[in-house]
Amino acid sequence: MSDDRVDFASMLASRLCHDLLSPVGAFANGLELLADEKDPEMRARCIDLLEQSARTSANKLKFFRLAFGSAGGFGERVPADEAKSAVQGIIGDRAIDLNWMIGSEPLPKPAVKIVLNLSLLLVDALVRGGRLDIGCENQGEGIEIALHVEAERIFLDAEVERILTEGEGASPMTSRTAPAVLVQAVAKQNGGTVMLARETPTSLLVGAVLKGR
């Protein structure tokens, strides 16, 4: 196995662990508090914390299973509702309005990986909330994916933007940029391309075109 492949796997694992640390840590803290707490009202709050942390952890695991993993349990295509649910889970309680513009037809796994990894990057960029539009449709012999965001401020990491615009080797690979590298790798593997356009200071369009699907 090449050093690049090892580094890539390591960065994806680091990203997964980083995002799971907070809800899993909160779950552990909630269990400690519940063990020592006698007041009924405080115990109820602890249980609420445990339920929230468990739900957040499950949502993130479901998302990463589809975004980073092999999506075991599905065939070559993934139900569109599964992809939508995964995006909703990663958004959680953030002030982001999701406009899902994908029909009910199952999506090819490569398209799902690109949709989810781009969603992860854009959700991270909407730190003050905003709107996320997601579309995906067949175009002749390929499939076209487009994600559009609008917000007062869009904080897309400069290295992530460079990789999405110029390719995998445009910036160093880190746990932050690994999803962008994965998007480029999946697009290349499927004879496709990735594009990014800053339409205005408050809007951004990013997507990919895959062939043979």
N, C-alpha and C. Protein backbone atom coordinates (compact mmCIF):
# COMPACT_ATOMS: atom_id res chain seq x y z
N MET A 1 0.85 -1.19 0.00
CA MET A 1 0.00 0.00 0.00
C MET A 1 0.89 1.24 0.00
N SER A 2 0.57 2.21 -0.86
CA SER A 2 1.40 3.41 -0.97
C SER A 2 1.23 4.30 0.25
N ASP A 3 2.24 5.17 0.46
CA ASP A 3 2.18 6.11 1.58
C ASP A 3 0.99 7.03 1.44
N ASP A 4 0.67 7.45 0.21
CA ASP A 4 -0.46 8.35 -0.01
C ASP A 4 -1.77 7.71 0.44
N ARG A 5 -1.94 6.43 0.13
CA ARG A 5 -3.18 5.74 0.52
C ARG A 5 -3.27 5.60 2.03
N VAL A 6 -2.13 5.33 2.68
CA VAL A 6 -2.11 5.24 4.14
C VAL A 6 -2.45 6.59 4.76
N ASP A 7 -1.83 7.65 4.24
CA ASP A 7 -2.11 9.00 4.74
C ASP A 7 -3.57 9.35 4.56
N PHE A 8 -4.13 9.01 3.40
CA PHE A 8 -5.52 9.32 3.10
C PHE A 8 -6.46 8.62 4.10
N ALA A 9 -6.22 7.32 4.33
CA ALA A 9 -7.04 6.58 5.30
C ALA A 9 -6.90 7.17 6.69
N SER A 10 -5.67 7.56 7.05
CA SER A 10 -5.42 8.14 8.37
C SER A 10 -6.17 9.45 8.55
N MET A 11 -6.19 10.29 7.51
CA MET A 11 -6.86 11.58 7.61
C MET A 11 -8.38 11.42 7.71
N LEU A 12 -8.94 10.47 6.96
CA LEU A 12 -10.38 10.22 7.07
C LEU A 12 -10.73 9.70 8.46
N ALA A 13 -9.89 8.81 9.00
CA ALA A 13 -10.13 8.29 10.34
C ALA A 13 -10.03 9.41 11.38
N SER A 14 -9.07 10.32 11.18
CA SER A 14 -8.93 11.46 12.10
C SER A 14 -10.17 12.34 12.07
N ARG A 15 -10.70 12.56 10.87
CA ARG A 15 -11.89 13.40 10.74
C ARG A 15 -13.08 12.74 11.44
N LEU A 16 -13.24 11.45 11.23
CA LEU A 16 -14.34 10.73 11.86
C LEU A 16 -14.23 10.79 13.38
N CYS A 17 -13.04 10.52 13.90
CA CYS A 17 -12.83 10.54 15.36
C CYS A 17 -13.05 11.93 15.94
N HIS A 18 -12.58 12.96 15.22
CA HIS A 18 -12.75 14.33 15.68
C HIS A 18 -14.23 14.69 15.81
N ASP A 19 -15.02 14.30 14.81
CA ASP A 19 -16.43 14.67 14.82
C ASP A 19 -17.25 13.85 15.82
N LEU A 20 -16.77 12.64 16.14
CA LEU A 20 -17.49 11.80 17.09
C LEU A 20 -17.10 12.06 18.54
N LEU A 21 -15.95 12.70 18.74
CA LEU A 21 -15.43 12.88 20.10
C LEU A 21 -16.40 13.67 20.98
N SER A 22 -16.97 14.73 20.45
CA SER A 22 -17.85 15.58 21.26
C SER A 22 -19.12 14.85 21.72
N PRO A 23 -19.92 14.25 20.81
CA PRO A 23 -21.13 13.58 21.30
C PRO A 23 -20.85 12.36 22.16
N VAL A 24 -19.80 11.59 21.84
CA VAL A 24 -19.47 10.42 22.65
C VAL A 24 -18.97 10.86 24.02
N GLY A 25 -18.17 11.93 24.06
CA GLY A 25 -17.70 12.47 25.34
C GLY A 25 -18.86 12.97 26.19
N ALA A 26 -19.82 13.63 25.55
CA ALA A 26 -21.00 14.10 26.28
C ALA A 26 -21.81 12.93 26.84
N PHE A 27 -21.86 11.85 26.07
CA PHE A 27 -22.56 10.64 26.55
C PHE A 27 -21.89 10.09 27.80
N ALA A 28 -20.56 10.02 27.77
CA ALA A 28 -19.82 9.52 28.93
C ALA A 28 -20.03 10.42 30.14
N ASN A 29 -20.00 11.73 29.92
CA ASN A 29 -20.22 12.67 31.02
C ASN A 29 -21.62 12.52 31.60
N GLY A 30 -22.59 12.32 30.71
CA GLY A 30 -23.96 12.15 31.17
C GLY A 30 -24.13 10.92 32.04
N LEU A 31 -23.45 9.84 31.68
CA LEU A 31 -23.52 8.62 32.49
C LEU A 31 -22.91 8.84 33.87
N GLU A 32 -21.79 9.57 33.93
CA GLU A 32 -21.16 9.86 35.22
C GLU A 32 -22.08 10.70 36.11
N LEU A 33 -22.69 11.71 35.51
CA LEU A 33 -23.60 12.56 36.28
C LEU A 33 -24.81 11.77 36.77
N LEU A 34 -25.33 10.90 35.91
CA LEU A 34 -26.52 10.12 36.27
C LEU A 34 -26.22 9.17 37.42
N ALA A 35 -25.00 8.64 37.46
CA ALA A 35 -24.63 7.69 38.52
C ALA A 35 -24.61 8.35 39.89
N ASP A 36 -24.26 9.64 39.93
CA ASP A 36 -24.11 10.34 41.22
C ASP A 36 -25.32 11.19 41.59
N GLU A 37 -26.19 11.47 40.62
CA GLU A 37 -27.28 12.42 40.86
C GLU A 37 -28.50 11.72 41.48
N LYS A 38 -29.06 12.35 42.54
CA LYS A 38 -30.23 11.79 43.21
C LYS A 38 -31.49 12.61 42.94
N ASP A 39 -31.31 13.90 42.62
CA ASP A 39 -32.46 14.77 42.39
C ASP A 39 -33.20 14.33 41.12
N PRO A 40 -34.53 14.09 41.20
CA PRO A 40 -35.29 13.61 40.04
C PRO A 40 -35.21 14.55 38.83
N GLU A 41 -35.28 15.85 39.09
CA GLU A 41 -35.23 16.81 37.99
C GLU A 41 -33.87 16.78 37.28
N MET A 42 -32.81 16.71 38.06
CA MET A 42 -31.48 16.66 37.47
C MET A 42 -31.24 15.33 36.74
N ARG A 43 -31.81 14.25 37.27
CA ARG A 43 -31.68 12.96 36.58
C ARG A 43 -32.40 12.99 35.24
N ALA A 44 -33.53 13.68 35.20
CA ALA A 44 -34.26 13.81 33.94
C ALA A 44 -33.44 14.59 32.91
N ARG A 45 -32.73 15.63 33.38
CA ARG A 45 -31.88 16.40 32.48
C ARG A 45 -30.72 15.54 31.97
N CYS A 46 -30.18 14.71 32.86
CA CYS A 46 -29.09 13.82 32.45
C CYS A 46 -29.56 12.85 31.37
N ILE A 47 -30.77 12.33 31.56
CA ILE A 47 -31.32 11.40 30.56
C ILE A 47 -31.52 12.10 29.23
N ASP A 48 -31.99 13.36 29.28
CA ASP A 48 -32.14 14.14 28.05
C ASP A 48 -30.79 14.30 27.35
N LEU A 49 -29.75 14.57 28.14
CA LEU A 49 -28.40 14.71 27.58
C LEU A 49 -27.94 13.41 26.93
N LEU A 50 -28.20 12.29 27.61
CA LEU A 50 -27.82 10.99 27.06
C LEU A 50 -28.55 10.71 25.75
N GLU A 51 -29.84 11.00 25.70
CA GLU A 51 -30.62 10.76 24.49
C GLU A 51 -30.12 11.62 23.34
N GLN A 52 -29.82 12.89 23.62
CA GLN A 52 -29.33 13.79 22.58
C GLN A 52 -27.97 13.33 22.06
N SER A 53 -27.09 12.95 22.99
CA SER A 53 -25.75 12.52 22.59
C SER A 53 -25.80 11.23 21.79
N ALA A 54 -26.65 10.31 22.21
CA ALA A 54 -26.79 9.04 21.48
C ALA A 54 -27.34 9.28 20.08
N ARG A 55 -28.32 10.17 19.96
CA ARG A 55 -28.90 10.48 18.66
C ARG A 55 -27.88 11.14 17.74
N THR A 56 -27.11 12.09 18.29
CA THR A 56 -26.09 12.77 17.50
C THR A 56 -25.01 11.80 17.03
N SER A 57 -24.58 10.92 17.93
CA SER A 57 -23.56 9.93 17.57
C SER A 57 -24.06 9.00 16.48
N ALA A 58 -25.31 8.54 16.61
CA ALA A 58 -25.88 7.63 15.61
C ALA A 58 -25.99 8.32 14.25
N ASN A 59 -26.40 9.59 14.27
CA ASN A 59 -26.52 10.34 13.01
C ASN A 59 -25.17 10.50 12.32
N LYS A 60 -24.16 10.80 13.10
CA LYS A 60 -22.82 10.97 12.52
C LYS A 60 -22.28 9.65 11.98
N LEU A 61 -22.48 8.56 12.72
CA LEU A 61 -22.02 7.26 12.25
C LEU A 61 -22.73 6.86 10.96
N LYS A 62 -24.01 7.11 10.88
CA LYS A 62 -24.77 6.82 9.67
C LYS A 62 -24.23 7.63 8.50
N PHE A 63 -23.93 8.89 8.76
CA PHE A 63 -23.40 9.75 7.71
C PHE A 63 -22.04 9.25 7.23
N PHE A 64 -21.13 9.00 8.16
CA PHE A 64 -19.78 8.58 7.78
C PHE A 64 -19.77 7.21 7.12
N ARG A 65 -20.70 6.35 7.50
CA ARG A 65 -20.80 5.04 6.85
C ARG A 65 -21.04 5.20 5.35
N LEU A 66 -21.91 6.13 4.99
CA LEU A 66 -22.21 6.35 3.58
C LEU A 66 -21.16 7.23 2.91
N ALA A 67 -20.65 8.23 3.63
CA ALA A 67 -19.73 9.20 3.03
C ALA A 67 -18.32 8.65 2.87
N PHE A 68 -17.85 7.89 3.86
CA PHE A 68 -16.47 7.40 3.85
C PHE A 68 -16.38 5.89 3.60
N GLY A 69 -17.38 5.13 4.02
CA GLY A 69 -17.32 3.68 3.95
C GLY A 69 -17.84 3.11 2.65
N SER A 70 -18.05 1.79 2.65
CA SER A 70 -18.50 1.11 1.44
C SER A 70 -20.02 1.01 1.36
N ALA A 71 -20.71 1.58 2.36
CA ALA A 71 -22.18 1.56 2.38
C ALA A 71 -22.69 0.13 2.29
N GLY A 72 -22.12 -0.75 3.11
CA GLY A 72 -22.56 -2.14 3.13
C GLY A 72 -24.05 -2.24 3.45
N GLY A 73 -24.70 -3.22 2.84
CA GLY A 73 -26.14 -3.37 3.02
C GLY A 73 -26.92 -2.85 1.84
N PHE A 74 -26.26 -2.04 1.00
CA PHE A 74 -26.88 -1.55 -0.22
C PHE A 74 -26.18 -2.18 -1.41
N GLY A 75 -26.84 -2.18 -2.56
CA GLY A 75 -26.23 -2.66 -3.78
C GLY A 75 -25.38 -1.57 -4.41
N GLU A 76 -25.45 -1.48 -5.73
CA GLU A 76 -24.69 -0.45 -6.44
C GLU A 76 -25.34 0.92 -6.29
N ARG A 77 -26.57 0.93 -5.85
CA ARG A 77 -27.30 2.19 -5.68
C ARG A 77 -27.84 2.32 -4.25
N VAL A 78 -27.94 3.55 -3.81
CA VAL A 78 -28.39 3.85 -2.45
C VAL A 78 -29.71 4.62 -2.53
N PRO A 79 -30.72 4.24 -1.74
CA PRO A 79 -31.98 4.99 -1.75
C PRO A 79 -31.74 6.48 -1.48
N ALA A 80 -32.40 7.33 -2.26
CA ALA A 80 -32.22 8.77 -2.11
C ALA A 80 -32.58 9.24 -0.71
N ASP A 81 -33.59 8.61 -0.11
CA ASP A 81 -34.01 9.01 1.24
C ASP A 81 -32.91 8.74 2.27
N GLU A 82 -32.10 7.69 2.04
CA GLU A 82 -30.99 7.41 2.95
C GLU A 82 -29.95 8.53 2.90
N ALA A 83 -29.66 9.00 1.68
CA ALA A 83 -28.71 10.10 1.52
C ALA A 83 -29.25 11.38 2.15
N LYS A 84 -30.53 11.65 1.95
CA LYS A 84 -31.14 12.85 2.52
C LYS A 84 -31.11 12.79 4.04
N SER A 85 -31.46 11.63 4.60
CA SER A 85 -31.45 11.48 6.06
C SER A 85 -30.06 11.69 6.63
N ALA A 86 -29.03 11.21 5.89
CA ALA A 86 -27.66 11.38 6.35
C ALA A 86 -27.27 12.85 6.39
N VAL A 87 -27.66 13.60 5.37
CA VAL A 87 -27.35 15.04 5.34
C VAL A 87 -28.09 15.76 6.47
N GLN A 88 -29.35 15.42 6.67
CA GLN A 88 -30.12 16.03 7.75
C GLN A 88 -29.47 15.74 9.10
N GLY A 89 -28.93 14.53 9.24
CA GLY A 89 -28.29 14.16 10.50
C GLY A 89 -27.04 14.97 10.77
N ILE A 90 -26.24 15.24 9.73
CA ILE A 90 -25.01 15.99 9.92
C ILE A 90 -25.30 17.48 10.15
N ILE A 91 -26.44 17.95 9.63
CA ILE A 91 -26.85 19.34 9.90
C ILE A 91 -27.29 19.48 11.35
N GLY A 92 -28.03 18.48 11.83
CA GLY A 92 -28.47 18.50 13.22
C GLY A 92 -29.33 19.71 13.53
N ASP A 93 -28.99 20.41 14.62
CA ASP A 93 -29.78 21.57 15.04
C ASP A 93 -29.19 22.90 14.57
N ARG A 94 -28.27 22.84 13.60
CA ARG A 94 -27.71 24.09 13.07
C ARG A 94 -28.79 24.84 12.29
N ALA A 95 -28.61 26.15 12.19
CA ALA A 95 -29.58 27.01 11.52
C ALA A 95 -29.36 26.98 10.01
N ILE A 96 -29.49 25.79 9.43
CA ILE A 96 -29.29 25.59 8.00
C ILE A 96 -30.56 25.02 7.40
N ASP A 97 -31.11 25.69 6.41
CA ASP A 97 -32.30 25.21 5.70
C ASP A 97 -31.86 24.32 4.54
N LEU A 98 -32.29 23.07 4.56
CA LEU A 98 -31.94 22.13 3.51
C LEU A 98 -33.04 22.09 2.46
N ASN A 99 -32.66 22.33 1.21
CA ASN A 99 -33.57 22.24 0.07
C ASN A 99 -33.14 21.05 -0.77
N TRP A 100 -33.76 19.91 -0.54
CA TRP A 100 -33.39 18.65 -1.20
C TRP A 100 -34.14 18.55 -2.53
N MET A 101 -33.43 18.62 -3.63
CA MET A 101 -34.06 18.64 -4.95
C MET A 101 -33.72 17.37 -5.74
N ILE A 102 -33.71 16.25 -5.06
CA ILE A 102 -33.42 14.96 -5.67
C ILE A 102 -34.66 14.08 -5.56
N GLY A 103 -35.01 13.42 -6.64
CA GLY A 103 -36.20 12.58 -6.65
C GLY A 103 -36.04 11.31 -5.83
N SER A 104 -36.97 10.40 -6.02
CA SER A 104 -37.00 9.19 -5.20
C SER A 104 -36.16 8.04 -5.77
N GLU A 105 -35.64 8.20 -6.98
CA GLU A 105 -34.85 7.13 -7.59
C GLU A 105 -33.55 6.91 -6.82
N PRO A 106 -33.15 5.65 -6.63
CA PRO A 106 -31.87 5.38 -5.95
C PRO A 106 -30.70 6.01 -6.71
N LEU A 107 -29.65 6.38 -5.96
CA LEU A 107 -28.49 7.05 -6.54
C LEU A 107 -27.29 6.11 -6.59
N PRO A 108 -26.46 6.21 -7.63
CA PRO A 108 -25.23 5.42 -7.65
C PRO A 108 -24.36 5.76 -6.45
N LYS A 109 -23.66 4.77 -5.90
CA LYS A 109 -22.82 5.00 -4.73
C LYS A 109 -21.81 6.12 -4.92
N PRO A 110 -21.13 6.22 -6.09
CA PRO A 110 -20.19 7.33 -6.27
C PRO A 110 -20.85 8.69 -6.14
N ALA A 111 -22.06 8.82 -6.68
CA ALA A 111 -22.78 10.09 -6.58
C ALA A 111 -23.12 10.41 -5.13
N VAL A 112 -23.52 9.38 -4.36
CA VAL A 112 -23.84 9.59 -2.95
C VAL A 112 -22.61 10.05 -2.18
N LYS A 113 -21.46 9.44 -2.45
CA LYS A 113 -20.24 9.85 -1.75
C LYS A 113 -19.91 11.31 -2.03
N ILE A 114 -20.07 11.72 -3.29
CA ILE A 114 -19.77 13.11 -3.62
C ILE A 114 -20.77 14.05 -2.97
N VAL A 115 -22.05 13.72 -3.04
CA VAL A 115 -23.08 14.56 -2.41
C VAL A 115 -22.81 14.72 -0.92
N LEU A 116 -22.51 13.63 -0.23
CA LEU A 116 -22.34 13.69 1.22
C LEU A 116 -21.06 14.41 1.62
N ASN A 117 -19.96 14.15 0.91
CA ASN A 117 -18.71 14.82 1.27
C ASN A 117 -18.75 16.30 0.96
N LEU A 118 -19.38 16.68 -0.15
CA LEU A 118 -19.55 18.11 -0.42
C LEU A 118 -20.47 18.75 0.61
N SER A 119 -21.51 18.02 1.01
CA SER A 119 -22.42 18.54 2.04
C SER A 119 -21.68 18.78 3.34
N LEU A 120 -20.80 17.84 3.71
CA LEU A 120 -20.02 17.99 4.95
C LEU A 120 -19.17 19.25 4.90
N LEU A 121 -18.51 19.48 3.78
CA LEU A 121 -17.65 20.66 3.63
C LEU A 121 -18.47 21.94 3.68
N LEU A 122 -19.63 21.94 3.04
CA LEU A 122 -20.45 23.16 2.98
C LEU A 122 -21.16 23.42 4.31
N VAL A 123 -21.59 22.38 5.00
CA VAL A 123 -22.19 22.57 6.32
C VAL A 123 -21.16 23.19 7.26
N ASP A 124 -19.92 22.72 7.18
CA ASP A 124 -18.85 23.31 7.99
C ASP A 124 -18.65 24.79 7.64
N ALA A 125 -18.86 25.14 6.37
CA ALA A 125 -18.64 26.52 5.92
C ALA A 125 -19.76 27.46 6.37
N LEU A 126 -20.93 26.91 6.70
CA LEU A 126 -22.07 27.73 7.10
C LEU A 126 -22.13 27.84 8.62
N VAL A 127 -21.10 28.42 9.20
CA VAL A 127 -20.99 28.47 10.66
C VAL A 127 -22.06 29.37 11.28
N ARG A 128 -22.60 30.30 10.51
CA ARG A 128 -23.65 31.17 11.01
C ARG A 128 -25.00 30.84 10.40
N GLY A 129 -25.11 29.65 9.82
CA GLY A 129 -26.36 29.24 9.21
C GLY A 129 -26.47 29.71 7.77
N GLY A 130 -27.55 29.28 7.13
CA GLY A 130 -27.78 29.65 5.74
C GLY A 130 -28.68 28.64 5.08
N ARG A 131 -28.57 28.56 3.75
CA ARG A 131 -29.40 27.62 2.99
C ARG A 131 -28.52 26.73 2.14
N LEU A 132 -28.85 25.45 2.12
CA LEU A 132 -28.11 24.47 1.33
C LEU A 132 -29.08 23.80 0.37
N ASP A 133 -28.84 23.98 -0.94
CA ASP A 133 -29.64 23.34 -1.98
C ASP A 133 -28.83 22.18 -2.56
N ILE A 134 -29.45 21.03 -2.71
CA ILE A 134 -28.77 19.85 -3.25
C ILE A 134 -29.59 19.26 -4.39
N GLY A 135 -28.95 19.13 -5.55
CA GLY A 135 -29.61 18.54 -6.71
C GLY A 135 -28.74 17.48 -7.36
N CYS A 136 -29.36 16.51 -8.00
CA CYS A 136 -28.62 15.44 -8.68
C CYS A 136 -29.56 14.84 -9.72
N GLU A 137 -29.11 14.80 -10.99
CA GLU A 137 -29.97 14.24 -12.03
C GLU A 137 -29.14 13.64 -13.16
N ASN A 138 -29.76 12.70 -13.88
CA ASN A 138 -29.11 12.10 -15.03
C ASN A 138 -29.08 13.09 -16.18
N GLN A 139 -27.93 13.15 -16.86
CA GLN A 139 -27.76 14.02 -18.01
C GLN A 139 -27.11 13.21 -19.13
N GLY A 140 -27.94 12.68 -20.03
CA GLY A 140 -27.40 11.88 -21.12
C GLY A 140 -26.76 10.61 -20.59
N GLU A 141 -25.45 10.47 -20.79
CA GLU A 141 -24.73 9.27 -20.37
C GLU A 141 -24.08 9.42 -19.00
N GLY A 142 -24.36 10.49 -18.31
CA GLY A 142 -23.74 10.72 -17.01
C GLY A 142 -24.72 11.26 -15.99
N ILE A 143 -24.18 11.67 -14.86
CA ILE A 143 -25.00 12.23 -13.80
C ILE A 143 -24.37 13.53 -13.32
N GLU A 144 -25.21 14.52 -13.13
CA GLU A 144 -24.75 15.86 -12.72
C GLU A 144 -25.18 16.13 -11.29
N ILE A 145 -24.22 16.58 -10.49
CA ILE A 145 -24.45 16.87 -9.07
C ILE A 145 -24.18 18.34 -8.83
N ALA A 146 -25.06 19.01 -8.12
CA ALA A 146 -24.87 20.44 -7.83
C ALA A 146 -25.32 20.75 -6.42
N LEU A 147 -24.47 21.44 -5.67
CA LEU A 147 -24.81 21.92 -4.33
C LEU A 147 -24.59 23.42 -4.31
N HIS A 148 -25.59 24.14 -3.82
CA HIS A 148 -25.55 25.60 -3.80
C HIS A 148 -25.83 26.07 -2.38
N VAL A 149 -25.02 27.02 -1.91
CA VAL A 149 -25.25 27.58 -0.58
C VAL A 149 -25.41 29.09 -0.67
N GLU A 150 -26.25 29.60 0.18
CA GLU A 150 -26.42 31.05 0.35
C GLU A 150 -26.37 31.36 1.84
N ALA A 151 -25.60 32.36 2.20
CA ALA A 151 -25.46 32.75 3.60
C ALA A 151 -24.85 34.13 3.68
N GLU A 152 -25.06 34.77 4.81
CA GLU A 152 -24.45 36.09 5.03
C GLU A 152 -22.93 36.00 4.95
N ARG A 153 -22.37 34.91 5.50
CA ARG A 153 -20.94 34.65 5.41
C ARG A 153 -20.73 33.17 5.11
N ILE A 154 -19.83 32.88 4.17
CA ILE A 154 -19.48 31.51 3.83
C ILE A 154 -18.01 31.32 4.14
N PHE A 155 -17.70 30.48 5.14
CA PHE A 155 -16.33 30.31 5.60
C PHE A 155 -15.75 29.00 5.08
N LEU A 156 -15.62 28.86 3.78
CA LEU A 156 -15.04 27.66 3.21
C LEU A 156 -13.52 27.72 3.33
N ASP A 157 -12.94 26.66 3.92
CA ASP A 157 -11.51 26.59 4.12
C ASP A 157 -10.78 26.82 2.79
N ALA A 158 -9.76 27.68 2.79
CA ALA A 158 -9.05 28.03 1.56
C ALA A 158 -8.39 26.81 0.92
N GLU A 159 -7.84 25.90 1.72
CA GLU A 159 -7.20 24.71 1.17
C GLU A 159 -8.22 23.75 0.59
N VAL A 160 -9.38 23.67 1.22
CA VAL A 160 -10.47 22.86 0.68
C VAL A 160 -10.91 23.42 -0.67
N GLU A 161 -11.07 24.73 -0.74
CA GLU A 161 -11.49 25.37 -1.99
C GLU A 161 -10.45 25.13 -3.09
N ARG A 162 -9.18 25.17 -2.74
CA ARG A 162 -8.13 24.96 -3.73
C ARG A 162 -8.17 23.55 -4.28
N ILE A 163 -8.39 22.57 -3.41
CA ILE A 163 -8.46 21.18 -3.86
C ILE A 163 -9.67 20.96 -4.76
N LEU A 164 -10.81 21.51 -4.38
CA LEU A 164 -12.01 21.35 -5.20
C LEU A 164 -11.86 22.04 -6.56
N THR A 165 -11.09 23.11 -6.59
CA THR A 165 -10.93 23.87 -7.82
C THR A 165 -9.81 23.33 -8.71
N GLU A 166 -8.68 22.93 -8.08
CA GLU A 166 -7.49 22.59 -8.85
C GLU A 166 -7.13 21.11 -8.86
N GLY A 167 -7.64 20.34 -7.90
CA GLY A 167 -7.34 18.92 -7.88
C GLY A 167 -6.73 18.46 -6.57
N GLU A 168 -6.54 17.13 -6.46
CA GLU A 168 -6.11 16.49 -5.20
C GLU A 168 -4.82 17.06 -4.63
N GLY A 169 -3.83 17.31 -5.49
CA GLY A 169 -2.51 17.72 -5.00
C GLY A 169 -2.34 19.21 -4.84
N ALA A 170 -3.42 19.97 -4.93
CA ALA A 170 -3.30 21.43 -4.89
C ALA A 170 -2.95 21.95 -3.50
N SER A 171 -3.27 21.20 -2.45
CA SER A 171 -2.98 21.60 -1.07
C SER A 171 -2.66 20.37 -0.25
N PRO A 172 -1.96 20.55 0.88
CA PRO A 172 -1.64 19.40 1.72
C PRO A 172 -2.90 18.70 2.22
N MET A 173 -2.83 17.39 2.36
CA MET A 173 -3.96 16.63 2.86
C MET A 173 -3.96 16.65 4.38
N THR A 174 -5.08 17.06 4.95
CA THR A 174 -5.29 17.07 6.39
C THR A 174 -6.67 16.48 6.67
N SER A 175 -7.02 16.39 7.96
CA SER A 175 -8.35 15.88 8.28
C SER A 175 -9.44 16.81 7.77
N ARG A 176 -9.12 18.11 7.62
CA ARG A 176 -10.09 19.08 7.09
C ARG A 176 -10.27 18.92 5.58
N THR A 177 -9.17 18.65 4.87
CA THR A 177 -9.24 18.60 3.41
C THR A 177 -9.54 17.20 2.87
N ALA A 178 -9.46 16.17 3.71
CA ALA A 178 -9.65 14.79 3.25
C ALA A 178 -10.98 14.59 2.50
N PRO A 179 -12.12 15.16 2.96
CA PRO A 179 -13.35 14.98 2.19
C PRO A 179 -13.25 15.57 0.79
N ALA A 180 -12.54 16.69 0.63
CA ALA A 180 -12.37 17.28 -0.70
C ALA A 180 -11.52 16.39 -1.58
N VAL A 181 -10.47 15.80 -0.99
CA VAL A 181 -9.63 14.86 -1.73
C VAL A 181 -10.46 13.66 -2.18
N LEU A 182 -11.33 13.16 -1.31
CA LEU A 182 -12.19 12.03 -1.64
C LEU A 182 -13.13 12.38 -2.78
N VAL A 183 -13.68 13.58 -2.77
CA VAL A 183 -14.56 14.02 -3.86
C VAL A 183 -13.81 13.97 -5.19
N GLN A 184 -12.61 14.54 -5.22
CA GLN A 184 -11.82 14.54 -6.44
C GLN A 184 -11.48 13.11 -6.88
N ALA A 185 -11.12 12.24 -5.93
CA ALA A 185 -10.74 10.87 -6.26
C ALA A 185 -11.92 10.09 -6.83
N VAL A 186 -13.09 10.23 -6.23
CA VAL A 186 -14.28 9.52 -6.72
C VAL A 186 -14.67 10.03 -8.10
N ALA A 187 -14.61 11.35 -8.29
CA ALA A 187 -14.94 11.92 -9.60
C ALA A 187 -13.98 11.40 -10.67
N LYS A 188 -12.70 11.39 -10.37
CA LYS A 188 -11.71 10.91 -11.32
C LYS A 188 -11.91 9.44 -11.64
N GLN A 189 -12.20 8.64 -10.63
CA GLN A 189 -12.42 7.21 -10.80
C GLN A 189 -13.61 6.94 -11.71
N ASN A 190 -14.56 7.86 -11.75
CA ASN A 190 -15.77 7.68 -12.56
C ASN A 190 -15.78 8.58 -13.79
N GLY A 191 -14.59 8.96 -14.24
CA GLY A 191 -14.46 9.73 -15.47
C GLY A 191 -15.10 11.10 -15.41
N GLY A 192 -15.14 11.68 -14.22
CA GLY A 192 -15.83 12.95 -14.05
C GLY A 192 -14.93 14.10 -13.67
N THR A 193 -15.55 15.22 -13.43
CA THR A 193 -14.85 16.44 -13.04
C THR A 193 -15.59 17.12 -11.91
N VAL A 194 -14.85 17.96 -11.18
CA VAL A 194 -15.40 18.72 -10.06
C VAL A 194 -15.29 20.20 -10.40
N MET A 195 -16.29 20.98 -10.01
CA MET A 195 -16.24 22.41 -10.27
C MET A 195 -16.70 23.19 -9.05
N LEU A 196 -16.20 24.41 -8.95
CA LEU A 196 -16.59 25.32 -7.86
C LEU A 196 -16.65 26.73 -8.41
N ALA A 197 -17.69 27.46 -8.06
CA ALA A 197 -17.82 28.83 -8.53
C ALA A 197 -18.40 29.69 -7.41
N ARG A 198 -17.71 30.79 -7.10
CA ARG A 198 -18.23 31.77 -6.15
C ARG A 198 -19.03 32.79 -6.94
N GLU A 199 -20.34 32.65 -6.91
CA GLU A 199 -21.21 33.49 -7.71
C GLU A 199 -21.23 34.93 -7.18
N THR A 200 -21.38 35.05 -5.86
CA THR A 200 -21.36 36.34 -5.18
C THR A 200 -20.69 36.12 -3.84
N PRO A 201 -20.41 37.19 -3.08
CA PRO A 201 -19.83 36.99 -1.74
C PRO A 201 -20.71 36.17 -0.81
N THR A 202 -22.00 36.06 -1.13
CA THR A 202 -22.92 35.35 -0.24
C THR A 202 -23.47 34.06 -0.86
N SER A 203 -22.93 33.64 -1.99
CA SER A 203 -23.42 32.40 -2.61
C SER A 203 -22.27 31.63 -3.25
N LEU A 204 -22.40 30.32 -3.22
CA LEU A 204 -21.34 29.45 -3.71
C LEU A 204 -21.97 28.23 -4.37
N LEU A 205 -21.44 27.84 -5.52
CA LEU A 205 -21.93 26.66 -6.23
C LEU A 205 -20.78 25.67 -6.39
N VAL A 206 -21.01 24.42 -6.03
CA VAL A 206 -20.00 23.39 -6.19
C VAL A 206 -20.69 22.11 -6.64
N GLY A 207 -20.01 21.34 -7.46
CA GLY A 207 -20.65 20.12 -7.94
C GLY A 207 -19.69 19.26 -8.74
N ALA A 208 -20.25 18.26 -9.40
CA ALA A 208 -19.45 17.32 -10.18
C ALA A 208 -20.30 16.72 -11.27
N VAL A 209 -19.63 16.26 -12.32
CA VAL A 209 -20.28 15.51 -13.40
C VAL A 209 -19.58 14.17 -13.50
N LEU A 210 -20.34 13.09 -13.38
CA LEU A 210 -19.81 11.74 -13.47
C LEU A 210 -20.29 11.10 -14.77
N LYS A 211 -19.47 10.32 -15.39
CA LYS A 211 -19.82 9.66 -16.65
C LYS A 211 -20.13 8.19 -16.42
N GLY A 212 -20.85 7.63 -17.39
CA GLY A 212 -21.11 6.21 -17.37
C GLY A 212 -22.10 5.76 -16.33
N ARG A 213 -22.96 6.67 -15.85
CA ARG A 213 -23.97 6.29 -14.84
C ARG A 213 -25.36 6.61 -15.32
